[in-house]
Amino acid sequence: MPSPDRRIYTSRLLEFLELMGQELPRKIVLVAAGGTALTLLRVKRSTRDIDLTGPGEDIELFRQTLKIVPHGVKVDTWPDGQIFFQFLPSDYLKRSRKVKQLQNIDLRALHPVDIVVTKIGRLDDRDKDDIRDCVRAFKIRRSAVARRASQVEYVGSMENFEYQVQYVLRHFF
């Protein structure tokens, strides 16, 4: 028997966030990252999970709401521009792109260059595909990625991160 389709399409993603927004006691800002951002920006058809960052107090409130609302969706959240083991510069929020105003949620997506830079940290095959698609869709310049990558704080082997940055700069530009 085939496994059920676990992909999350834009409409399901927005429905989920609308439901969450109805339960929030105040307005918050959420910034989609990774495949979630690429799905909302119409670069990808779907995503496997939901990745979000935003102001720390907004992320904490969203996490609390996730605990009380049954949803069945895999959601990863990080505060203040953190994505996995990377910390974006504090201007990540200002650079983010407005996606939609939902009930109590100002939904944004990371700037395309920030999407690329955060994908570099893990750089598996899916990340490589996403980087390629993002670079093509937004006509991202090599210099923009190099500049932004130099501003990211990476927890782990900085040497490995820098190697992966160079790999991306060589292979995608």
C-alpha atoms as a PDB file:
ATOM      1  CA  MET A   1       0.000   0.000   0.000  1.00  0.00           C
ATOM      2  CA  PRO A   2       1.517   3.377  -0.980  1.00  0.00           C
ATOM      3  CA  SER A   3       2.321   5.792   1.802  1.00  0.00           C
ATOM      4  CA  PRO A   4       0.087   8.860   2.036  1.00  0.00           C
ATOM      5  CA  ASP A   5       1.295  12.049   0.385  1.00  0.00           C
ATOM      6  CA  ARG A   6       2.950  14.058   3.162  1.00  0.00           C
ATOM      7  CA  ARG A   7       3.683  17.132   1.072  1.00  0.00           C
ATOM      8  CA  ILE A   8       2.277  20.452   2.171  1.00  0.00           C
ATOM      9  CA  TYR A   9       0.957  22.630  -0.639  1.00  0.00           C
ATOM     10  CA  THR A  10       0.468  26.396  -0.438  1.00  0.00           C
ATOM     11  CA  SER A  11      -3.276  26.183   0.197  1.00  0.00           C
ATOM     12  CA  ARG A  12      -2.852  23.679   3.052  1.00  0.00           C
ATOM     13  CA  LEU A  13      -0.016  25.732   4.509  1.00  0.00           C
ATOM     14  CA  LEU A  14      -2.110  28.908   4.492  1.00  0.00           C
ATOM     15  CA  GLU A  15      -5.135  27.070   5.947  1.00  0.00           C
ATOM     16  CA  PHE A  16      -2.956  25.722   8.757  1.00  0.00           C
ATOM     17  CA  LEU A  17      -1.526  29.156   9.545  1.00  0.00           C
ATOM     18  CA  GLU A  18      -4.977  30.746   9.387  1.00  0.00           C
ATOM     19  CA  LEU A  19      -6.191  28.191  11.941  1.00  0.00           C
ATOM     20  CA  MET A  20      -3.204  28.929  14.172  1.00  0.00           C
ATOM     21  CA  GLY A  21      -3.783  32.669  13.828  1.00  0.00           C
ATOM     22  CA  GLN A  22      -7.358  32.290  15.069  1.00  0.00           C
ATOM     23  CA  GLU A  23      -6.002  30.850  18.306  1.00  0.00           C
ATOM     24  CA  LEU A  24      -3.316  33.476  18.892  1.00  0.00           C
ATOM     25  CA  PRO A  25      -4.129  36.153  21.474  1.00  0.00           C
ATOM     26  CA  ARG A  26      -2.274  38.869  19.527  1.00  0.00           C
ATOM     27  CA  LYS A  27      -0.628  39.631  16.214  1.00  0.00           C
ATOM     28  CA  ILE A  28       2.742  38.043  15.492  1.00  0.00           C
ATOM     29  CA  VAL A  29       5.280  38.000  12.675  1.00  0.00           C
ATOM     30  CA  LEU A  30       6.331  34.679  11.155  1.00  0.00           C
ATOM     31  CA  VAL A  31       9.024  34.387   8.507  1.00  0.00           C
ATOM     32  CA  ALA A  32       9.005  31.249   6.385  1.00  0.00           C
ATOM     33  CA  ALA A  33      12.385  29.668   5.704  1.00  0.00           C
ATOM     34  CA  GLY A  34      13.696  26.919   3.452  1.00  0.00           C
ATOM     35  CA  GLY A  35      11.223  24.928   1.403  1.00  0.00           C
ATOM     36  CA  THR A  36       8.340  26.649   3.156  1.00  0.00           C
ATOM     37  CA  ALA A  37       9.537  30.027   1.866  1.00  0.00           C
ATOM     38  CA  LEU A  38      10.128  28.621  -1.614  1.00  0.00           C
ATOM     39  CA  THR A  39       6.611  27.185  -1.649  1.00  0.00           C
ATOM     40  CA  LEU A  40       5.060  30.490  -0.565  1.00  0.00           C
ATOM     41  CA  LEU A  41       7.166  32.350  -3.143  1.00  0.00           C
ATOM     42  CA  ARG A  42       5.940  29.880  -5.806  1.00  0.00           C
ATOM     43  CA  VAL A  43       9.359  28.440  -6.606  1.00  0.00           C
ATOM     44  CA  LYS A  44       8.368  24.967  -5.330  1.00  0.00           C
ATOM     45  CA  ARG A  45       4.993  23.252  -5.540  1.00  0.00           C
ATOM     46  CA  SER A  46       5.173  21.852  -2.015  1.00  0.00           C
ATOM     47  CA  THR A  47       7.257  21.351   1.095  1.00  0.00           C
ATOM     48  CA  ARG A  48       7.662  18.419   3.487  1.00  0.00           C
ATOM     49  CA  ASP A  49       7.506  20.437   6.679  1.00  0.00           C
ATOM     50  CA  ILE A  50       7.053  23.986   7.869  1.00  0.00           C
ATOM     51  CA  ASP A  51      10.127  26.016   8.830  1.00  0.00           C
ATOM     52  CA  LEU A  52       9.606  29.371  10.525  1.00  0.00           C
ATOM     53  CA  THR A  53      11.618  32.027  12.274  1.00  0.00           C
ATOM     54  CA  GLY A  54      10.672  35.434  13.633  1.00  0.00           C
ATOM     55  CA  PRO A  55      11.001  37.649  16.676  1.00  0.00           C
ATOM     56  CA  GLY A  56      11.701  35.491  19.723  1.00  0.00           C
ATOM     57  CA  GLU A  57       8.548  36.443  21.647  1.00  0.00           C
ATOM     58  CA  ASP A  58       6.398  35.752  18.564  1.00  0.00           C
ATOM     59  CA  ILE A  59       8.001  32.353  18.005  1.00  0.00           C
ATOM     60  CA  GLU A  60       7.467  31.456  21.667  1.00  0.00           C
ATOM     61  CA  LEU A  61       3.776  32.396  21.467  1.00  0.00           C
ATOM     62  CA  PHE A  62       3.419  30.397  18.230  1.00  0.00           C
ATOM     63  CA  ARG A  63       5.059  27.356  19.905  1.00  0.00           C
ATOM     64  CA  GLN A  64       2.620  27.591  22.817  1.00  0.00           C
ATOM     65  CA  THR A  65      -0.284  27.720  20.395  1.00  0.00           C
ATOM     66  CA  LEU A  66       1.070  24.700  18.483  1.00  0.00           C
ATOM     67  CA  LYS A  67       0.871  22.692  21.710  1.00  0.00           C
ATOM     68  CA  ILE A  68      -2.851  23.345  22.165  1.00  0.00           C
ATOM     69  CA  VAL A  69      -4.074  23.140  18.568  1.00  0.00           C
ATOM     70  CA  PRO A  70      -4.168  19.649  17.032  1.00  0.00           C
ATOM     71  CA  HIS A  71      -2.572  19.917  13.599  1.00  0.00           C
ATOM     72  CA  GLY A  72      -0.612  16.834  12.459  1.00  0.00           C
ATOM     73  CA  VAL A  73       1.982  18.951  10.636  1.00  0.00           C
ATOM     74  CA  LYS A  74       5.749  18.875  11.240  1.00  0.00           C
ATOM     75  CA  VAL A  75       6.721  22.411  12.241  1.00  0.00           C
ATOM     76  CA  ASP A  76      10.226  23.620  13.083  1.00  0.00           C
ATOM     77  CA  THR A  77      10.578  27.064  14.636  1.00  0.00           C
ATOM     78  CA  TRP A  78      13.598  29.146  15.541  1.00  0.00           C
ATOM     79  CA  PRO A  79      13.803  32.567  17.192  1.00  0.00           C
ATOM     80  CA  ASP A  80      15.337  35.760  15.856  1.00  0.00           C
ATOM     81  CA  GLY A  81      16.613  34.702  12.436  1.00  0.00           C
ATOM     82  CA  GLN A  82      18.091  31.413  13.526  1.00  0.00           C
ATOM     83  CA  ILE A  83      17.688  28.612  10.968  1.00  0.00           C
ATOM     84  CA  PHE A  84      19.020  25.275  12.184  1.00  0.00           C
ATOM     85  CA  PHE A  85      22.658  26.040  13.104  1.00  0.00           C
ATOM     86  CA  GLN A  86      22.869  29.424  11.424  1.00  0.00           C
ATOM     87  CA  PHE A  87      22.085  32.883  12.663  1.00  0.00           C
ATOM     88  CA  LEU A  88      21.164  35.469  10.072  1.00  0.00           C
ATOM     89  CA  PRO A  89      22.112  39.100  10.638  1.00  0.00           C
ATOM     90  CA  SER A  90      19.518  41.131  12.549  1.00  0.00           C
ATOM     91  CA  ASP A  91      18.224  42.720   9.337  1.00  0.00           C
ATOM     92  CA  TYR A  92      16.710  39.389   8.177  1.00  0.00           C
ATOM     93  CA  LEU A  93      13.242  40.607   9.157  1.00  0.00           C
ATOM     94  CA  LYS A  94      13.550  43.930   7.341  1.00  0.00           C
ATOM     95  CA  ARG A  95      14.800  42.092   4.223  1.00  0.00           C
ATOM     96  CA  SER A  96      12.036  39.469   4.330  1.00  0.00           C
ATOM     97  CA  ARG A  97       9.239  39.560   1.776  1.00  0.00           C
ATOM     98  CA  LYS A  98       5.612  40.060   2.706  1.00  0.00           C
ATOM     99  CA  VAL A  99       3.540  37.030   1.689  1.00  0.00           C
ATOM    100  CA  LYS A 100       0.134  37.517   3.240  1.00  0.00           C
ATOM    101  CA  GLN A 101      -1.634  39.085   6.192  1.00  0.00           C
ATOM    102  CA  LEU A 102      -3.550  36.370   8.017  1.00  0.00           C
ATOM    103  CA  GLN A 103      -5.614  36.670  11.138  1.00  0.00           C
ATOM    104  CA  ASN A 104      -3.035  37.613  13.797  1.00  0.00           C
ATOM    105  CA  ILE A 105      -0.103  36.529  11.569  1.00  0.00           C
ATOM    106  CA  ASP A 106       1.992  38.809   9.402  1.00  0.00           C
ATOM    107  CA  LEU A 107       3.349  36.064   7.133  1.00  0.00           C
ATOM    108  CA  ARG A 108       6.651  36.728   5.424  1.00  0.00           C
ATOM    109  CA  ALA A 109       9.307  34.731   3.574  1.00  0.00           C
ATOM    110  CA  LEU A 110      13.045  35.051   3.927  1.00  0.00           C
ATOM    111  CA  HIS A 111      14.736  37.136   1.250  1.00  0.00           C
ATOM    112  CA  PRO A 112      15.825  34.761  -1.562  1.00  0.00           C
ATOM    113  CA  VAL A 113      19.534  35.365  -0.822  1.00  0.00           C
ATOM    114  CA  ASP A 114      18.890  34.447   2.826  1.00  0.00           C
ATOM    115  CA  ILE A 115      17.125  31.270   1.672  1.00  0.00           C
ATOM    116  CA  VAL A 116      20.205  30.294  -0.345  1.00  0.00           C
ATOM    117  CA  VAL A 117      22.605  31.098   2.479  1.00  0.00           C
ATOM    118  CA  THR A 118      20.623  29.103   5.042  1.00  0.00           C
ATOM    119  CA  LYS A 119      20.419  26.132   2.657  1.00  0.00           C
ATOM    120  CA  ILE A 120      24.226  26.131   2.420  1.00  0.00           C
ATOM    121  CA  GLY A 121      24.572  25.072   6.065  1.00  0.00           C
ATOM    122  CA  ARG A 122      23.194  21.566   5.456  1.00  0.00           C
ATOM    123  CA  LEU A 123      23.650  21.303   1.668  1.00  0.00           C
ATOM    124  CA  ASP A 124      22.069  17.915   0.997  1.00  0.00           C
ATOM    125  CA  ASP A 125      20.713  17.029  -2.464  1.00  0.00           C
ATOM    126  CA  ARG A 126      17.334  18.687  -1.814  1.00  0.00           C
ATOM    127  CA  ASP A 127      19.107  21.838  -0.631  1.00  0.00           C
ATOM    128  CA  LYS A 128      21.183  21.881  -3.814  1.00  0.00           C
ATOM    129  CA  ASP A 129      18.014  21.607  -5.915  1.00  0.00           C
ATOM    130  CA  ASP A 130      16.398  24.404  -3.906  1.00  0.00           C
ATOM    131  CA  ILE A 131      19.466  26.619  -4.269  1.00  0.00           C
ATOM    132  CA  ARG A 132      19.540  26.071  -8.028  1.00  0.00           C
ATOM    133  CA  ASP A 133      15.820  26.835  -8.350  1.00  0.00           C
ATOM    134  CA  CYS A 134      16.023  29.904  -6.112  1.00  0.00           C
ATOM    135  CA  VAL A 135      19.046  31.323  -7.939  1.00  0.00           C
ATOM    136  CA  ARG A 136      17.259  30.880 -11.280  1.00  0.00           C
ATOM    137  CA  ALA A 137      13.865  32.174 -10.136  1.00  0.00           C
ATOM    138  CA  PHE A 138      15.226  35.341  -8.537  1.00  0.00           C
ATOM    139  CA  LYS A 139      18.321  35.853 -10.715  1.00  0.00           C
ATOM    140  CA  ILE A 140      20.514  35.966  -7.634  1.00  0.00           C
ATOM    141  CA  ARG A 141      24.056  37.168  -8.129  1.00  0.00           C
ATOM    142  CA  ARG A 142      27.111  35.325  -6.897  1.00  0.00           C
ATOM    143  CA  SER A 143      28.395  38.422  -5.102  1.00  0.00           C
ATOM    144  CA  ALA A 144      25.142  38.758  -3.126  1.00  0.00           C
ATOM    145  CA  VAL A 145      25.460  35.194  -1.812  1.00  0.00           C
ATOM    146  CA  ALA A 146      29.150  35.597  -0.982  1.00  0.00           C
ATOM    147  CA  ARG A 147      28.493  38.869   0.860  1.00  0.00           C
ATOM    148  CA  ARG A 148      25.541  37.535   2.850  1.00  0.00           C
ATOM    149  CA  ALA A 149      27.270  34.248   3.706  1.00  0.00           C
ATOM    150  CA  SER A 150      30.125  36.231   5.253  1.00  0.00           C
ATOM    151  CA  GLN A 151      27.600  37.851   7.633  1.00  0.00           C
ATOM    152  CA  VAL A 152      26.048  34.602   8.882  1.00  0.00           C
ATOM    153  CA  GLU A 153      27.035  33.122  12.220  1.00  0.00           C
ATOM    154  CA  TYR A 154      27.339  29.361  11.936  1.00  0.00           C
ATOM    155  CA  VAL A 155      27.367  27.106  14.987  1.00  0.00           C
ATOM    156  CA  GLY A 156      29.598  24.179  14.159  1.00  0.00           C
ATOM    157  CA  SER A 157      32.563  23.884  11.875  1.00  0.00           C
ATOM    158  CA  MET A 158      33.048  27.298  10.292  1.00  0.00           C
ATOM    159  CA  GLU A 159      35.636  25.685   8.039  1.00  0.00           C
ATOM    160  CA  ASN A 160      32.991  23.264   6.731  1.00  0.00           C
ATOM    161  CA  PHE A 161      30.475  26.076   6.212  1.00  0.00           C
ATOM    162  CA  GLU A 162      33.021  28.146   4.287  1.00  0.00           C
ATOM    163  CA  TYR A 163      33.859  25.106   2.135  1.00  0.00           C
ATOM    164  CA  GLN A 164      30.167  24.663   1.344  1.00  0.00           C
ATOM    165  CA  VAL A 165      29.824  28.366   0.494  1.00  0.00           C
ATOM    166  CA  GLN A 166      32.688  28.000  -1.981  1.00  0.00           C
ATOM    167  CA  TYR A 167      31.077  24.861  -3.428  1.00  0.00           C
ATOM    168  CA  VAL A 168      27.829  26.753  -4.049  1.00  0.00           C
ATOM    169  CA  LEU A 169      29.636  29.739  -5.531  1.00  0.00           C
ATOM    170  CA  ARG A 170      31.517  27.466  -7.951  1.00  0.00           C
ATOM    171  CA  HIS A 171      28.621  25.228  -8.973  1.00  0.00           C
ATOM    172  CA  PHE A 172      25.606  27.536  -9.124  1.00  0.00           C
ATOM    173  CA  PHE A 173      27.044  30.713 -10.638  1.00  0.00           C
END
